[in-house]
């Protein structure tokens, strides 16, 4: 909680304040929906510390996230995901 009388955007949780400029996802024109989904999930995996938080941010269940990671052949560990980019 903020210790000041005025709240800044940084005082709000990420899912309320929205993406910061450095966390925006830029997708190329012409991607298929599957390719776009893969890039979005990869981005979230790189920017959130746990898959539970990724699922919450994407508004999907944790099981759904694991199924999508498998279907899209995304690396399951954060270390591998960062090495691929």
Protein backbone atom coordinates (compact mmCIF):
# COMPACT_ATOMS: atom_id res chain seq x y z
CA UNK A 1 0.00 0.00 0.00
CA UNK A 2 1.17 3.51 -0.76
CA UNK A 3 2.49 5.61 2.10
CA UNK A 4 1.49 8.84 0.34
CA UNK A 5 -1.85 10.58 -0.16
CA UNK A 6 -1.63 10.25 -3.94
CA UNK A 7 -1.34 6.98 -5.83
CA UNK A 8 0.91 6.60 -8.86
CA UNK A 9 0.47 3.98 -11.56
CA UNK A 10 3.38 2.11 -9.98
CA UNK A 11 1.30 1.69 -6.80
CA UNK A 12 -1.30 -0.38 -8.68
CA UNK A 13 -0.97 -4.08 -9.52
CA UNK A 14 0.15 -4.75 -13.13
CA UNK A 15 -3.19 -6.21 -14.21
CA UNK A 16 -4.94 -2.96 -13.23
CA UNK A 17 -2.42 -0.41 -14.47
CA UNK A 18 -1.90 -2.14 -17.82
CA UNK A 19 1.31 -2.88 -19.66
CA UNK A 20 4.21 -0.51 -19.42
CA UNK A 21 5.81 0.61 -22.67
CA UNK A 22 8.78 -1.73 -22.17
CA UNK A 23 6.38 -4.64 -21.68
CA UNK A 24 4.21 -4.07 -24.74
CA UNK A 25 3.98 -6.92 -27.19
CA UNK A 26 4.63 -6.07 -30.82
CA UNK A 27 3.40 -8.65 -33.30
CA UNK A 28 4.21 -8.76 -36.99
CA UNK A 29 1.45 -8.37 -39.53
CA UNK A 30 0.62 -11.65 -41.22
CA UNK A 31 1.09 -13.93 -38.22
CA UNK A 32 -1.41 -16.72 -37.87
CA UNK A 33 -3.52 -16.75 -34.71
CA UNK A 34 -1.42 -19.65 -33.41
CA UNK A 35 1.83 -17.76 -34.05
CA UNK A 36 0.43 -14.65 -32.35
CA UNK A 37 -0.75 -16.71 -29.37
CA UNK A 38 2.69 -18.31 -29.11
CA UNK A 39 4.43 -14.93 -29.06
CA UNK A 40 2.02 -13.55 -26.46
CA UNK A 41 2.44 -16.53 -24.16
CA UNK A 42 6.24 -16.46 -24.63
CA UNK A 43 6.23 -12.76 -23.69
CA UNK A 44 4.21 -13.39 -20.54
CA UNK A 45 6.43 -16.33 -19.55
CA UNK A 46 9.45 -14.02 -19.76
CA UNK A 47 7.84 -11.21 -17.73
CA UNK A 48 6.08 -13.05 -14.90
CA UNK A 49 7.92 -15.11 -12.28
CA UNK A 50 5.46 -18.03 -12.18
CA UNK A 51 3.15 -19.83 -14.57
CA UNK A 52 0.34 -19.25 -12.09
CA UNK A 53 0.80 -15.49 -12.52
CA UNK A 54 1.00 -15.89 -16.31
CA UNK A 55 -2.29 -17.77 -16.34
CA UNK A 56 -3.90 -15.12 -14.13
CA UNK A 57 -2.62 -12.27 -16.31
CA UNK A 58 -3.93 -14.02 -19.44
CA UNK A 59 -7.23 -14.78 -17.70
CA UNK A 60 -6.94 -18.51 -18.40
CA UNK A 61 -6.66 -21.53 -16.13
CA UNK A 62 -3.28 -22.91 -15.17
CA UNK A 63 -4.10 -26.24 -16.84
CA UNK A 64 -5.04 -24.39 -20.04
CA UNK A 65 -1.71 -22.56 -19.95
CA UNK A 66 0.21 -25.83 -19.60
CA UNK A 67 -1.75 -27.33 -22.50
CA UNK A 68 -1.02 -24.29 -24.68
CA UNK A 69 2.69 -24.39 -23.78
CA UNK A 70 2.81 -28.02 -24.85
CA UNK A 71 0.71 -27.50 -28.02
CA UNK A 72 2.78 -24.49 -29.12
CA UNK A 73 6.09 -26.22 -28.31
CA UNK A 74 7.14 -23.46 -25.94
CA UNK A 75 9.94 -24.16 -23.50
CA UNK A 76 8.59 -25.00 -20.07
CA UNK A 77 11.34 -23.30 -18.10
CA UNK A 78 11.91 -19.57 -17.91
CA UNK A 79 15.66 -20.00 -18.43
CA UNK A 80 15.14 -21.77 -21.76
CA UNK A 81 12.50 -19.24 -22.85
CA UNK A 82 14.91 -16.34 -22.29
CA UNK A 83 17.73 -18.07 -24.16
CA UNK A 84 15.57 -18.52 -27.27
CA UNK A 85 14.77 -14.81 -27.70
